Amino acid sequence: MRDKDLMDQEEIFSKVLRAGRRTYFFDVRGTKAGDYYLTITESKKFTHDDGSFHYKKHKIYLYKEDFQSFREIMEEMMDYIIDEKGHEVISERHQKDFKKEEPSQNGEVSSTDNFTDLDFDDI
């Protein structure tokens, strides 16, 4: 089986969160034994002086047996930050940088927020 076929077979469910220069990918994947696990990937875009760019990615693998402990600690950490710093209002400009994207029926992610409404008579 080709590597791409294996990757397609393993991907079960995905969500994407675009957050400015960072993008977070949440992917449910399957093991060869038919069990599921979660990967969380942070991808950050870096632009070089010449205009070219590259991405740095960091990935976490989270298995079912760790879900409850992970959730408890994550909630505790978020509650601590909110208690200490409060809920800050995100500016409207900054809010536009954060987009939850849903996969379409064919699994591809689409967002109409990436397009500009353009009247060709104005060109």
PDB file of N, CA and C in Angstrom:
ATOM      1  N   MET A   1       0.845  -1.179   0.000  1.00  0.00           N
ATOM      2  CA  MET A   1       0.000   0.000   0.000  1.00  0.00           C
ATOM      3  C   MET A   1       0.889   1.241   0.000  1.00  0.00           C
ATOM      4  N   ARG A   2       0.570   2.217  -0.824  1.00  0.00           N
ATOM      5  CA  ARG A   2       1.361   3.449  -0.892  1.00  0.00           C
ATOM      6  C   ARG A   2       1.178   4.277   0.374  1.00  0.00           C
ATOM      7  N   ASP A   3       2.170   5.143   0.677  1.00  0.00           N
ATOM      8  CA  ASP A   3       2.111   5.970   1.883  1.00  0.00           C
ATOM      9  C   ASP A   3       0.886   6.866   1.889  1.00  0.00           C
ATOM     10  N   LYS A   4       0.551   7.479   0.732  1.00  0.00           N
ATOM     11  CA  LYS A   4      -0.611   8.362   0.673  1.00  0.00           C
ATOM     12  C   LYS A   4      -1.887   7.589   0.979  1.00  0.00           C
ATOM     13  N   ASP A   5      -2.017   6.378   0.445  1.00  0.00           N
ATOM     14  CA  ASP A   5      -3.193   5.557   0.729  1.00  0.00           C
ATOM     15  C   ASP A   5      -3.286   5.244   2.210  1.00  0.00           C
ATOM     16  N   LEU A   6      -2.153   4.971   2.841  1.00  0.00           N
ATOM     17  CA  LEU A   6      -2.126   4.676   4.266  1.00  0.00           C
ATOM     18  C   LEU A   6      -2.562   5.896   5.061  1.00  0.00           C
ATOM     19  N   MET A   7      -2.073   7.097   4.682  1.00  0.00           N
ATOM     20  CA  MET A   7      -2.467   8.326   5.372  1.00  0.00           C
ATOM     21  C   MET A   7      -3.960   8.573   5.227  1.00  0.00           C
ATOM     22  N   ASP A   8      -4.501   8.413   4.001  1.00  0.00           N
ATOM     23  CA  ASP A   8      -5.927   8.622   3.778  1.00  0.00           C
ATOM     24  C   ASP A   8      -6.752   7.638   4.608  1.00  0.00           C
ATOM     25  N   GLN A   9      -6.266   6.422   4.753  1.00  0.00           N
ATOM     26  CA  GLN A   9      -6.972   5.405   5.507  1.00  0.00           C
ATOM     27  C   GLN A   9      -6.993   5.742   6.993  1.00  0.00           C
ATOM     28  N   GLU A  10      -5.927   6.339   7.504  1.00  0.00           N
ATOM     29  CA  GLU A  10      -5.817   6.642   8.920  1.00  0.00           C
ATOM     30  C   GLU A  10      -6.643   7.842   9.352  1.00  0.00           C
ATOM     31  N   GLU A  11      -6.871   8.826   8.459  1.00  0.00           N
ATOM     32  CA  GLU A  11      -7.601  10.030   8.836  1.00  0.00           C
ATOM     33  C   GLU A  11      -9.084   9.726   8.950  1.00  0.00           C
ATOM     34  N   ILE A  12      -9.668  10.039  10.124  1.00  0.00           N
ATOM     35  CA  ILE A  12     -11.062   9.731  10.404  1.00  0.00           C
ATOM     36  C   ILE A  12     -11.906  11.000  10.427  1.00  0.00           C
ATOM     37  N   PHE A  13     -11.427  12.037  11.117  1.00  0.00           N
ATOM     38  CA  PHE A  13     -12.195  13.264  11.331  1.00  0.00           C
ATOM     39  C   PHE A  13     -11.210  14.394  11.586  1.00  0.00           C
ATOM     40  N   SER A  14     -11.455  15.580  11.011  1.00  0.00           N
ATOM     41  CA  SER A  14     -10.514  16.695  11.144  1.00  0.00           C
ATOM     42  C   SER A  14     -11.238  18.014  11.341  1.00  0.00           C
ATOM     43  N   LYS A  15     -10.593  18.918  12.057  1.00  0.00           N
ATOM     44  CA  LYS A  15     -11.040  20.302  12.235  1.00  0.00           C
ATOM     45  C   LYS A  15      -9.808  21.182  12.116  1.00  0.00           C
ATOM     46  N   VAL A  16     -10.004  22.433  11.649  1.00  0.00           N
ATOM     47  CA  VAL A  16      -8.909  23.378  11.477  1.00  0.00           C
ATOM     48  C   VAL A  16      -9.282  24.678  12.169  1.00  0.00           C
ATOM     49  N   LEU A  17      -8.315  25.280  12.869  1.00  0.00           N
ATOM     50  CA  LEU A  17      -8.484  26.599  13.467  1.00  0.00           C
ATOM     51  C   LEU A  17      -7.353  27.471  12.968  1.00  0.00           C
ATOM     52  N   ARG A  18      -7.688  28.507  12.189  1.00  0.00           N
ATOM     53  CA  ARG A  18      -6.687  29.457  11.712  1.00  0.00           C
ATOM     54  C   ARG A  18      -6.635  30.603  12.702  1.00  0.00           C
ATOM     55  N   ALA A  19      -5.439  30.917  13.179  1.00  0.00           N
ATOM     56  CA  ALA A  19      -5.253  31.918  14.217  1.00  0.00           C
ATOM     57  C   ALA A  19      -4.078  32.818  13.838  1.00  0.00           C
ATOM     58  N   GLY A  20      -4.314  33.748  12.911  1.00  0.00           N
ATOM     59  CA  GLY A  20      -3.234  34.616  12.459  1.00  0.00           C
ATOM     60  C   GLY A  20      -2.203  33.811  11.698  1.00  0.00           C
ATOM     61  N   ARG A  21      -0.935  33.901  12.140  1.00  0.00           N
ATOM     62  CA  ARG A  21       0.139  33.138  11.479  1.00  0.00           C
ATOM     63  C   ARG A  21       0.158  31.673  11.889  1.00  0.00           C
ATOM     64  N   ARG A  22      -0.636  31.328  12.897  1.00  0.00           N
ATOM     65  CA  ARG A  22      -0.673  29.943  13.369  1.00  0.00           C
ATOM     66  C   ARG A  22      -1.933  29.258  12.846  1.00  0.00           C
ATOM     67  N   THR A  23      -1.795  27.997  12.548  1.00  0.00           N
ATOM     68  CA  THR A  23      -2.945  27.162  12.196  1.00  0.00           C
ATOM     69  C   THR A  23      -2.872  25.917  13.056  1.00  0.00           C
ATOM     70  N   TYR A  24      -3.999  25.553  13.636  1.00  0.00           N
ATOM     71  CA  TYR A  24      -4.075  24.351  14.461  1.00  0.00           C
ATOM     72  C   TYR A  24      -4.911  23.313  13.723  1.00  0.00           C
ATOM     73  N   PHE A  25      -4.377  22.108  13.627  1.00  0.00           N
ATOM     74  CA  PHE A  25      -5.076  20.995  12.999  1.00  0.00           C
ATOM     75  C   PHE A  25      -5.394  19.972  14.082  1.00  0.00           C
ATOM     76  N   PHE A  26      -6.663  19.600  14.191  1.00  0.00           N
ATOM     77  CA  PHE A  26      -7.112  18.573  15.123  1.00  0.00           C
ATOM     78  C   PHE A  26      -7.558  17.389  14.271  1.00  0.00           C
ATOM     79  N   ASP A  27      -6.872  16.271  14.380  1.00  0.00           N
ATOM     80  CA  ASP A  27      -7.147  15.124  13.527  1.00  0.00           C
ATOM     81  C   ASP A  27      -7.351  13.860  14.351  1.00  0.00           C
ATOM     82  N   VAL A  28      -8.475  13.198  14.126  1.00  0.00           N
ATOM     83  CA  VAL A  28      -8.689  11.862  14.682  1.00  0.00           C
ATOM     84  C   VAL A  28      -8.128  10.897  13.651  1.00  0.00           C
ATOM     85  N   ARG A  29      -7.271  10.027  14.107  1.00  0.00           N
ATOM     86  CA  ARG A  29      -6.632   9.049  13.222  1.00  0.00           C
ATOM     87  C   ARG A  29      -6.887   7.655  13.763  1.00  0.00           C
ATOM     88  N   GLY A  30      -6.690   6.688  12.889  1.00  0.00           N
ATOM     89  CA  GLY A  30      -6.895   5.300  13.281  1.00  0.00           C
ATOM     90  C   GLY A  30      -5.594   4.531  13.296  1.00  0.00           C
ATOM     91  N   THR A  31      -5.500   3.603  14.245  1.00  0.00           N
ATOM     92  CA  THR A  31      -4.335   2.727  14.309  1.00  0.00           C
ATOM     93  C   THR A  31      -4.583   1.507  13.427  1.00  0.00           C
ATOM     94  N   LYS A  32      -3.550   0.733  13.183  1.00  0.00           N
ATOM     95  CA  LYS A  32      -3.700  -0.512  12.414  1.00  0.00           C
ATOM     96  C   LYS A  32      -4.651  -1.474  13.112  1.00  0.00           C
ATOM     97  N   ALA A  33      -4.731  -1.361  14.447  1.00  0.00           N
ATOM     98  CA  ALA A  33      -5.606  -2.240  15.226  1.00  0.00           C
ATOM     99  C   ALA A  33      -7.056  -1.741  15.256  1.00  0.00           C
ATOM    100  N   GLY A  34      -7.317  -0.608  14.589  1.00  0.00           N
ATOM    101  CA  GLY A  34      -8.681  -0.097  14.519  1.00  0.00           C
ATOM    102  C   GLY A  34      -9.079   0.827  15.648  1.00  0.00           C
ATOM    103  N   ASP A  35      -8.133   1.226  16.508  1.00  0.00           N
ATOM    104  CA  ASP A  35      -8.429   2.158  17.593  1.00  0.00           C
ATOM    105  C   ASP A  35      -8.210   3.585  17.089  1.00  0.00           C
ATOM    106  N   TYR A  36      -8.664   4.577  17.835  1.00  0.00           N
ATOM    107  CA  TYR A  36      -8.516   5.985  17.454  1.00  0.00           C
ATOM    108  C   TYR A  36      -7.587   6.708  18.421  1.00  0.00           C
ATOM    109  N   TYR A  37      -6.943   7.758  17.924  1.00  0.00           N
ATOM    110  CA  TYR A  37      -6.166   8.677  18.746  1.00  0.00           C
ATOM    111  C   TYR A  37      -6.271  10.061  18.118  1.00  0.00           C
ATOM    112  N   LEU A  38      -5.863  11.080  18.862  1.00  0.00           N
ATOM    113  CA  LEU A  38      -5.968  12.469  18.426  1.00  0.00           C
ATOM    114  C   LEU A  38      -4.580  13.037  18.187  1.00  0.00           C
ATOM    115  N   THR A  39      -4.418  13.744  17.073  1.00  0.00           N
ATOM    116  CA  THR A  39      -3.197  14.525  16.881  1.00  0.00           C
ATOM    117  C   THR A  39      -3.593  15.993  16.844  1.00  0.00           C
ATOM    118  N   ILE A  40      -2.808  16.811  17.504  1.00  0.00           N
ATOM    119  CA  ILE A  40      -2.972  18.262  17.484  1.00  0.00           C
ATOM    120  C   ILE A  40      -1.690  18.817  16.905  1.00  0.00           C
ATOM    121  N   THR A  41      -1.800  19.530  15.788  1.00  0.00           N
ATOM    122  CA  THR A  41      -0.630  20.073  15.115  1.00  0.00           C
ATOM    123  C   THR A  41      -0.729  21.584  15.069  1.00  0.00           C
ATOM    124  N   GLU A  42       0.331  22.257  15.520  1.00  0.00           N
ATOM    125  CA  GLU A  42       0.440  23.698  15.362  1.00  0.00           C
ATOM    126  C   GLU A  42       1.379  23.943  14.187  1.00  0.00           C
ATOM    127  N   SER A  43       0.928  24.707  13.224  1.00  0.00           N
ATOM    128  CA  SER A  43       1.747  25.071  12.073  1.00  0.00           C
ATOM    129  C   SER A  43       1.868  26.587  12.066  1.00  0.00           C
ATOM    130  N   LYS A  44       3.100  27.086  12.038  1.00  0.00           N
ATOM    131  CA  LYS A  44       3.339  28.526  12.080  1.00  0.00           C
ATOM    132  C   LYS A  44       4.141  28.940  10.862  1.00  0.00           C
ATOM    133  N   LYS A  45       3.674  29.977  10.175  1.00  0.00           N
ATOM    134  CA  LYS A  45       4.309  30.443   8.941  1.00  0.00           C
ATOM    135  C   LYS A  45       5.382  31.483   9.261  1.00  0.00           C
ATOM    136  N   PHE A  46       6.550  31.288   8.675  1.00  0.00           N
ATOM    137  CA  PHE A  46       7.658  32.225   8.806  1.00  0.00           C
ATOM    138  C   PHE A  46       8.045  32.723   7.416  1.00  0.00           C
ATOM    139  N   THR A  47       8.169  34.033   7.270  1.00  0.00           N
ATOM    140  CA  THR A  47       8.515  34.633   5.985  1.00  0.00           C
ATOM    141  C   THR A  47       9.952  35.128   6.032  1.00  0.00           C
ATOM    142  N   HIS A  48      10.729  34.796   4.996  1.00  0.00           N
ATOM    143  CA  HIS A  48      12.118  35.240   4.880  1.00  0.00           C
ATOM    144  C   HIS A  48      12.154  36.624   4.238  1.00  0.00           C
ATOM    145  N   ASP A  49      13.290  37.290   4.334  1.00  0.00           N
ATOM    146  CA  ASP A  49      13.456  38.632   3.759  1.00  0.00           C
ATOM    147  C   ASP A  49      13.201  38.662   2.255  1.00  0.00           C
ATOM    148  N   ASP A  50      13.484  37.561   1.562  1.00  0.00           N
ATOM    149  CA  ASP A  50      13.306  37.523   0.110  1.00  0.00           C
ATOM    150  C   ASP A  50      11.859  37.218  -0.304  1.00  0.00           C
ATOM    151  N   GLY A  51      10.954  37.098   0.676  1.00  0.00           N
ATOM    152  CA  GLY A  51       9.553  36.833   0.371  1.00  0.00           C
ATOM    153  C   GLY A  51       9.180  35.374   0.410  1.00  0.00           C
ATOM    154  N   SER A  52      10.164  34.487   0.390  1.00  0.00           N
ATOM    155  CA  SER A  52       9.857  33.067   0.495  1.00  0.00           C
ATOM    156  C   SER A  52       9.446  32.766   1.940  1.00  0.00           C
ATOM    157  N   PHE A  53       8.841  31.628   2.138  1.00  0.00           N
ATOM    158  CA  PHE A  53       8.388  31.298   3.477  1.00  0.00           C
ATOM    159  C   PHE A  53       8.541  29.812   3.746  1.00  0.00           C
ATOM    160  N   HIS A  54       8.455  29.472   5.029  1.00  0.00           N
ATOM    161  CA  HIS A  54       8.460  28.080   5.440  1.00  0.00           C
ATOM    162  C   HIS A  54       7.559  27.942   6.660  1.00  0.00           C
ATOM    163  N   TYR A  55       7.200  26.715   6.968  1.00  0.00           N
ATOM    164  CA  TYR A  55       6.336  26.429   8.104  1.00  0.00           C
ATOM    165  C   TYR A  55       7.094  25.595   9.128  1.00  0.00           C
ATOM    166  N   LYS A  56       6.881  25.916  10.388  1.00  0.00           N
ATOM    167  CA  LYS A  56       7.381  25.073  11.473  1.00  0.00           C
ATOM    168  C   LYS A  56       6.172  24.391  12.080  1.00  0.00           C
ATOM    169  N   LYS A  57       6.279  23.082  12.276  1.00  0.00           N
ATOM    170  CA  LYS A  57       5.150  22.322  12.800  1.00  0.00           C
ATOM    171  C   LYS A  57       5.544  21.604  14.084  1.00  0.00           C
ATOM    172  N   HIS A  58       4.601  21.592  15.011  1.00  0.00           N
ATOM    173  CA  HIS A  58       4.756  20.856  16.258  1.00  0.00           C
ATOM    174  C   HIS A  58       3.521  19.988  16.423  1.00  0.00           C
ATOM    175  N   LYS A  59       3.725  18.748  16.789  1.00  0.00           N
ATOM    176  CA  LYS A  59       2.607  17.806  16.843  1.00  0.00           C
ATOM    177  C   LYS A  59       2.562  17.119  18.197  1.00  0.00           C
ATOM    178  N   ILE A  60       1.330  16.947  18.698  1.00  0.00           N
ATOM    179  CA  ILE A  60       1.073  16.202  19.931  1.00  0.00           C
ATOM    180  C   ILE A  60       0.193  15.015  19.572  1.00  0.00           C
ATOM    181  N   TYR A  61       0.545  13.855  20.063  1.00  0.00           N
ATOM    182  CA  TYR A  61      -0.275  12.658  19.903  1.00  0.00           C
ATOM    183  C   TYR A  61      -0.950  12.395  21.241  1.00  0.00           C
ATOM    184  N   LEU A  62      -2.272  12.297  21.240  1.00  0.00           N
ATOM    185  CA  LEU A  62      -3.019  12.094  22.475  1.00  0.00           C
ATOM    186  C   LEU A  62      -3.875  10.833  22.341  1.00  0.00           C
ATOM    187  N   TYR A  63      -3.639   9.891  23.246  1.00  0.00           N
ATOM    188  CA  TYR A  63      -4.319   8.603  23.194  1.00  0.00           C
ATOM    189  C   TYR A  63      -5.464   8.553  24.200  1.00  0.00           C
ATOM    190  N   LYS A  64      -6.465   7.720  23.905  1.00  0.00           N
ATOM    191  CA  LYS A  64      -7.702   7.673  24.698  1.00  0.00           C
ATOM    192  C   LYS A  64      -7.455   7.522  26.191  1.00  0.00           C
ATOM    193  N   GLU A  65      -6.489   6.707  26.560  1.00  0.00           N
ATOM    194  CA  GLU A  65      -6.256   6.472  27.988  1.00  0.00           C
ATOM    195  C   GLU A  65      -5.771   7.726  28.721  1.00  0.00           C
ATOM    196  N   ASP A  66      -5.345   8.751  27.968  1.00  0.00           N
ATOM    197  CA  ASP A  66      -4.872   9.991  28.578  1.00  0.00           C
ATOM    198  C   ASP A  66      -5.886  11.125  28.485  1.00  0.00           C
ATOM    199  N   PHE A  67      -7.023  10.908  27.797  1.00  0.00           N
ATOM    200  CA  PHE A  67      -7.986  11.986  27.559  1.00  0.00           C
ATOM    201  C   PHE A  67      -8.455  12.657  28.853  1.00  0.00           C
ATOM    202  N   GLN A  68      -8.904  11.875  29.834  1.00  0.00           N
ATOM    203  CA  GLN A  68      -9.489  12.461  31.041  1.00  0.00           C
ATOM    204  C   GLN A  68      -8.471  13.316  31.797  1.00  0.00           C
ATOM    205  N   SER A  69      -7.273  12.800  32.003  1.00  0.00           N
ATOM    206  CA  SER A  69      -6.244  13.564  32.714  1.00  0.00           C
ATOM    207  C   SER A  69      -5.844  14.803  31.931  1.00  0.00           C
ATOM    208  N   PHE A  70      -5.706  14.666  30.618  1.00  0.00           N
ATOM    209  CA  PHE A  70      -5.355  15.795  29.756  1.00  0.00           C
ATOM    210  C   PHE A  70      -6.429  16.875  29.857  1.00  0.00           C
ATOM    211  N   ARG A  71      -7.703  16.471  29.751  1.00  0.00           N
ATOM    212  CA  ARG A  71      -8.817  17.429  29.831  1.00  0.00           C
ATOM    213  C   ARG A  71      -8.819  18.155  31.174  1.00  0.00           C
ATOM    214  N   GLU A  72      -8.629  17.408  32.265  1.00  0.00           N
ATOM    215  CA  GLU A  72      -8.646  18.021  33.593  1.00  0.00           C
ATOM    216  C   GLU A  72      -7.543  19.068  33.732  1.00  0.00           C
ATOM    217  N   ILE A  73      -6.343  18.734  33.305  1.00  0.00           N
ATOM    218  CA  ILE A  73      -5.230  19.676  33.424  1.00  0.00           C
ATOM    219  C   ILE A  73      -5.424  20.863  32.480  1.00  0.00           C
ATOM    220  N   MET A  74      -5.890  20.611  31.268  1.00  0.00           N
ATOM    221  CA  MET A  74      -6.132  21.696  30.316  1.00  0.00           C
ATOM    222  C   MET A  74      -7.176  22.667  30.864  1.00  0.00           C
ATOM    223  N   GLU A  75      -8.274  22.153  31.395  1.00  0.00           N
ATOM    224  CA  GLU A  75      -9.306  23.015  31.970  1.00  0.00           C
ATOM    225  C   GLU A  75      -8.772  23.792  33.168  1.00  0.00           C
ATOM    226  N   GLU A  76      -7.970  23.132  33.992  1.00  0.00           N
ATOM    227  CA  GLU A  76      -7.378  23.809  35.156  1.00  0.00           C
ATOM    228  C   GLU A  76      -6.470  24.955  34.709  1.00  0.00           C
ATOM    229  N   MET A  77      -5.658  24.721  33.690  1.00  0.00           N
ATOM    230  CA  MET A  77      -4.753  25.756  33.186  1.00  0.00           C
ATOM    231  C   MET A  77      -5.533  26.929  32.585  1.00  0.00           C
ATOM    232  N   MET A  78      -6.565  26.626  31.792  1.00  0.00           N
ATOM    233  CA  MET A  78      -7.359  27.696  31.188  1.00  0.00           C
ATOM    234  C   MET A  78      -8.114  28.484  32.258  1.00  0.00           C
ATOM    235  N   ASP A  79      -8.689  27.784  33.263  1.00  0.00           N
ATOM    236  CA  ASP A  79      -9.376  28.467  34.360  1.00  0.00           C
ATOM    237  C   ASP A  79      -8.420  29.374  35.118  1.00  0.00           C
ATOM    238  N   TYR A  80      -7.199  28.906  35.353  1.00  0.00           N
ATOM    239  CA  TYR A  80      -6.204  29.714  36.052  1.00  0.00           C
ATOM    240  C   TYR A  80      -5.925  31.009  35.287  1.00  0.00           C
ATOM    241  N   ILE A  81      -5.702  30.889  33.986  1.00  0.00           N
ATOM    242  CA  ILE A  81      -5.408  32.074  33.172  1.00  0.00           C
ATOM    243  C   ILE A  81      -6.590  33.034  33.189  1.00  0.00           C
ATOM    244  N   ILE A  82      -7.810  32.517  33.046  1.00  0.00           N
ATOM    245  CA  ILE A  82      -8.999  33.377  33.059  1.00  0.00           C
ATOM    246  C   ILE A  82      -9.166  34.034  34.420  1.00  0.00           C
ATOM    247  N   ASP A  83      -8.942  33.281  35.515  1.00  0.00           N
ATOM    248  CA  ASP A  83      -9.049  33.849  36.859  1.00  0.00           C
ATOM    249  C   ASP A  83      -8.014  34.950  37.087  1.00  0.00           C
ATOM    250  N   GLU A  84      -6.805  34.741  36.594  1.00  0.00           N
ATOM    251  CA  GLU A  84      -5.723  35.702  36.794  1.00  0.00           C
ATOM    252  C   GLU A  84      -5.808  36.908  35.858  1.00  0.00           C
ATOM    253  N   LYS A  85      -6.186  36.674  34.617  1.00  0.00           N
ATOM    254  CA  LYS A  85      -6.154  37.734  33.602  1.00  0.00           C
ATOM    255  C   LYS A  85      -7.525  38.130  33.080  1.00  0.00           C
ATOM    256  N   GLY A  86      -8.544  37.362  33.411  1.00  0.00           N
ATOM    257  CA  GLY A  86      -9.898  37.669  32.965  1.00  0.00           C
ATOM    258  C   GLY A  86     -10.103  37.365  31.496  1.00  0.00           C
ATOM    259  N   HIS A  87     -11.336  37.575  31.073  1.00  0.00           N
ATOM    260  CA  HIS A  87     -11.691  37.409  29.657  1.00  0.00           C
ATOM    261  C   HIS A  87     -11.433  38.738  28.973  1.00  0.00           C
ATOM    262  N   GLU A  88     -10.396  38.797  28.193  1.00  0.00           N
ATOM    263  CA  GLU A  88     -10.127  40.030  27.456  1.00  0.00           C
ATOM    264  C   GLU A  88     -10.916  40.006  26.162  1.00  0.00           C
ATOM    265  N   VAL A  89     -11.445  41.156  25.825  1.00  0.00           N
ATOM    266  CA  VAL A  89     -12.195  41.263  24.584  1.00  0.00           C
ATOM    267  C   VAL A  89     -11.200  41.310  23.430  1.00  0.00           C
ATOM    268  N   ILE A  90     -11.417  40.446  22.458  1.00  0.00           N
ATOM    269  CA  ILE A  90     -10.559  40.415  21.278  1.00  0.00           C
ATOM    270  C   ILE A  90     -11.052  41.484  20.323  1.00  0.00           C
ATOM    271  N   SER A  91     -10.138  42.307  19.850  1.00  0.00           N
ATOM    272  CA  SER A  91     -10.531  43.353  18.912  1.00  0.00           C
ATOM    273  C   SER A  91     -11.142  42.738  17.664  1.00  0.00           C
ATOM    274  N   GLU A  92     -12.002  43.496  16.982  1.00  0.00           N
ATOM    275  CA  GLU A  92     -12.664  42.981  15.781  1.00  0.00           C
ATOM    276  C   GLU A  92     -11.638  42.589  14.726  1.00  0.00           C
ATOM    277  N   ARG A  93     -10.559  43.370  14.569  1.00  0.00           N
ATOM    278  CA  ARG A  93      -9.530  43.048  13.591  1.00  0.00           C
ATOM    279  C   ARG A  93      -8.854  41.732  13.932  1.00  0.00           C
ATOM    280  N   HIS A  94      -8.531  41.552  15.206  1.00  0.00           N
ATOM    281  CA  HIS A  94      -7.866  40.323  15.639  1.00  0.00           C
ATOM    282  C   HIS A  94      -8.808  39.134  15.531  1.00  0.00           C
ATOM    283  N   GLN A  95     -10.098  39.365  15.796  1.00  0.00           N
ATOM    284  CA  GLN A  95     -11.076  38.300  15.732  1.00  0.00           C
ATOM    285  C   GLN A  95     -11.175  37.724  14.320  1.00  0.00           C
ATOM    286  N   LYS A  96     -10.966  38.551  13.304  1.00  0.00           N
ATOM    287  CA  LYS A  96     -11.031  38.088  11.918  1.00  0.00           C
ATOM    288  C   LYS A  96      -9.898  37.115  11.605  1.00  0.00           C
ATOM    289  N   ASP A  97      -8.805  37.178  12.383  1.00  0.00           N
ATOM    290  CA  ASP A  97      -7.679  36.285  12.157  1.00  0.00           C
ATOM    291  C   ASP A  97      -7.961  34.862  12.630  1.00  0.00           C
ATOM    292  N   PHE A  98      -9.000  34.684  13.445  1.00  0.00           N
ATOM    293  CA  PHE A  98      -9.329  33.374  13.982  1.00  0.00           C
ATOM    294  C   PHE A  98     -10.525  32.817  13.239  1.00  0.00           C
ATOM    295  N   LYS A  99     -10.339  31.685  12.587  1.00  0.00           N
ATOM    296  CA  LYS A  99     -11.410  31.086  11.799  1.00  0.00           C
ATOM    297  C   LYS A  99     -11.449  29.593  12.061  1.00  0.00           C
ATOM    298  N   LYS A 100     -12.617  29.126  12.518  1.00  0.00           N
ATOM    299  CA  LYS A 100     -12.830  27.684  12.583  1.00  0.00           C
ATOM    300  C   LYS A 100     -13.316  27.256  11.219  1.00  0.00           C
ATOM    301  N   GLU A 101     -12.741  26.218  10.683  1.00  0.00           N
ATOM    302  CA  GLU A 101     -13.128  25.755   9.363  1.00  0.00           C
ATOM    303  C   GLU A 101     -13.630  24.338   9.456  1.00  0.00           C
ATOM    304  N   GLU A 102     -14.700  24.094   8.760  1.00  0.00           N
ATOM    305  CA  GLU A 102     -15.312  22.773   8.753  1.00  0.00           C
ATOM    306  C   GLU A 102     -14.939  22.060   7.465  1.00  0.00           C
ATOM    307  N   PRO A 103     -14.629  20.772   7.547  1.00  0.00           N
ATOM    308  CA  PRO A 103     -14.359  20.033   6.315  1.00  0.00           C
ATOM    309  C   PRO A 103     -15.652  19.827   5.530  1.00  0.00           C
ATOM    310  N   SER A 104     -15.552  19.830   4.213  1.00  0.00           N
ATOM    311  CA  SER A 104     -16.712  19.572   3.366  1.00  0.00           C
ATOM    312  C   SER A 104     -16.967  18.072   3.310  1.00  0.00           C
ATOM    313  N   GLN A 105     -17.967  17.671   2.552  1.00  0.00           N
ATOM    314  CA  GLN A 105     -18.303  16.254   2.436  1.00  0.00           C
ATOM    315  C   GLN A 105     -17.135  15.425   1.924  1.00  0.00           C
ATOM    316  N   ASN A 106     -16.304  16.020   1.035  1.00  0.00           N
ATOM    317  CA  ASN A 106     -15.177  15.270   0.479  1.00  0.00           C
ATOM    318  C   ASN A 106     -13.932  15.368   1.357  1.00  0.00           C
ATOM    319  N   GLY A 107     -14.078  15.998   2.538  1.00  0.00           N
ATOM    320  CA  GLY A 107     -12.966  16.069   3.477  1.00  0.00           C
ATOM    321  C   GLY A 107     -12.090  17.292   3.320  1.00  0.00           C
ATOM    322  N   GLU A 108     -12.305  18.087   2.251  1.00  0.00           N
ATOM    323  CA  GLU A 108     -11.490  19.275   2.050  1.00  0.00           C
ATOM    324  C   GLU A 108     -12.058  20.425   2.869  1.00  0.00           C
ATOM    325  N   VAL A 109     -11.164  21.284   3.361  1.00  0.00           N
ATOM    326  CA  VAL A 109     -11.572  22.423   4.164  1.00  0.00           C
ATOM    327  C   VAL A 109     -11.764  23.615   3.249  1.00  0.00           C
ATOM    328  N   SER A 110     -12.883  24.303   3.445  1.00  0.00           N
ATOM    329  CA  SER A 110     -13.107  25.504   2.653  1.00  0.00           C
ATOM    330  C   SER A 110     -13.605  26.603   3.567  1.00  0.00           C
ATOM    331  N   SER A 111     -13.300  27.823   3.204  1.00  0.00           N
ATOM    332  CA  SER A 111     -13.748  28.983   3.957  1.00  0.00           C
ATOM    333  C   SER A 111     -13.990  30.111   2.984  1.00  0.00           C
ATOM    334  N   THR A 112     -15.194  30.669   3.012  1.00  0.00           N
ATOM    335  CA  THR A 112     -15.504  31.787   2.123  1.00  0.00           C
ATOM    336  C   THR A 112     -14.895  33.081   2.639  1.00  0.00           C
ATOM    337  N   ASP A 113     -14.363  33.060   3.885  1.00  0.00           N
ATOM    338  CA  ASP A 113     -13.740  34.257   4.435  1.00  0.00           C
ATOM    339  C   ASP A 113     -12.458  34.625   3.718  1.00  0.00           C
ATOM    340  N   ASN A 114     -11.897  33.732   2.917  1.00  0.00           N
ATOM    341  CA  ASN A 114     -10.635  33.971   2.248  1.00  0.00           C
ATOM    342  C   ASN A 114     -10.798  34.696   0.919  1.00  0.00           C
ATOM    343  N   PHE A 115     -12.038  34.990   0.503  1.00  0.00           N
ATOM    344  CA  PHE A 115     -12.278  35.583  -0.796  1.00  0.00           C
ATOM    345  C   PHE A 115     -12.764  37.016  -0.654  1.00  0.00           C
ATOM    346  N   THR A 116     -12.422  37.812  -1.634  1.00  0.00           N
ATOM    347  CA  THR A 116     -12.856  39.203  -1.676  1.00  0.00           C
ATOM    348  C   THR A 116     -13.975  39.322  -2.690  1.00  0.00           C
ATOM    349  N   ASP A 117     -15.053  40.012  -2.308  1.00  0.00           N
ATOM    350  CA  ASP A 117     -16.148  40.255  -3.232  1.00  0.00           C
ATOM    351  C   ASP A 117     -15.671  41.313  -4.209  1.00  0.00           C
ATOM    352  N   LEU A 118     -15.582  40.952  -5.473  1.00  0.00           N
ATOM    353  CA  LEU A 118     -14.985  41.812  -6.468  1.00  0.00           C
ATOM    354  C   LEU A 118     -15.927  42.009  -7.638  1.00  0.00           C
ATOM    355  N   ASP A 119     -16.116  43.260  -8.037  1.00  0.00           N
ATOM    356  CA  ASP A 119     -16.906  43.572  -9.213  1.00  0.00           C
ATOM    357  C   ASP A 119     -15.938  43.838 -10.347  1.00  0.00           C
ATOM    358  N   PHE A 120     -15.979  43.022 -11.388  1.00  0.00           N
ATOM    359  CA  PHE A 120     -15.022  43.133 -12.469  1.00  0.00           C
ATOM    360  C   PHE A 120     -15.155  44.448 -13.229  1.00  0.00           C
ATOM    361  N   ASP A 121     -16.283  45.151 -13.102  1.00  0.00           N
ATOM    362  CA  ASP A 121     -16.429  46.470 -13.727  1.00  0.00           C
ATOM    363  C   ASP A 121     -15.492  47.495 -13.085  1.00  0.00           C
ATOM    364  N   ASP A 122     -15.074  47.208 -11.837  1.00  0.00           N
ATOM    365  CA  ASP A 122     -14.178  48.128 -11.128  1.00  0.00           C
ATOM    366  C   ASP A 122     -12.725  47.984 -11.542  1.00  0.00           C
ATOM    367  N   ILE A 123     -12.402  46.943 -12.310  1.00  0.00           N
ATOM    368  CA  ILE A 123     -11.010  46.685 -12.699  1.00  0.00           C
ATOM    369  C   ILE A 123     -10.625  47.506 -13.896  1.00  0.00           C
TER     370      ILE A 123
END
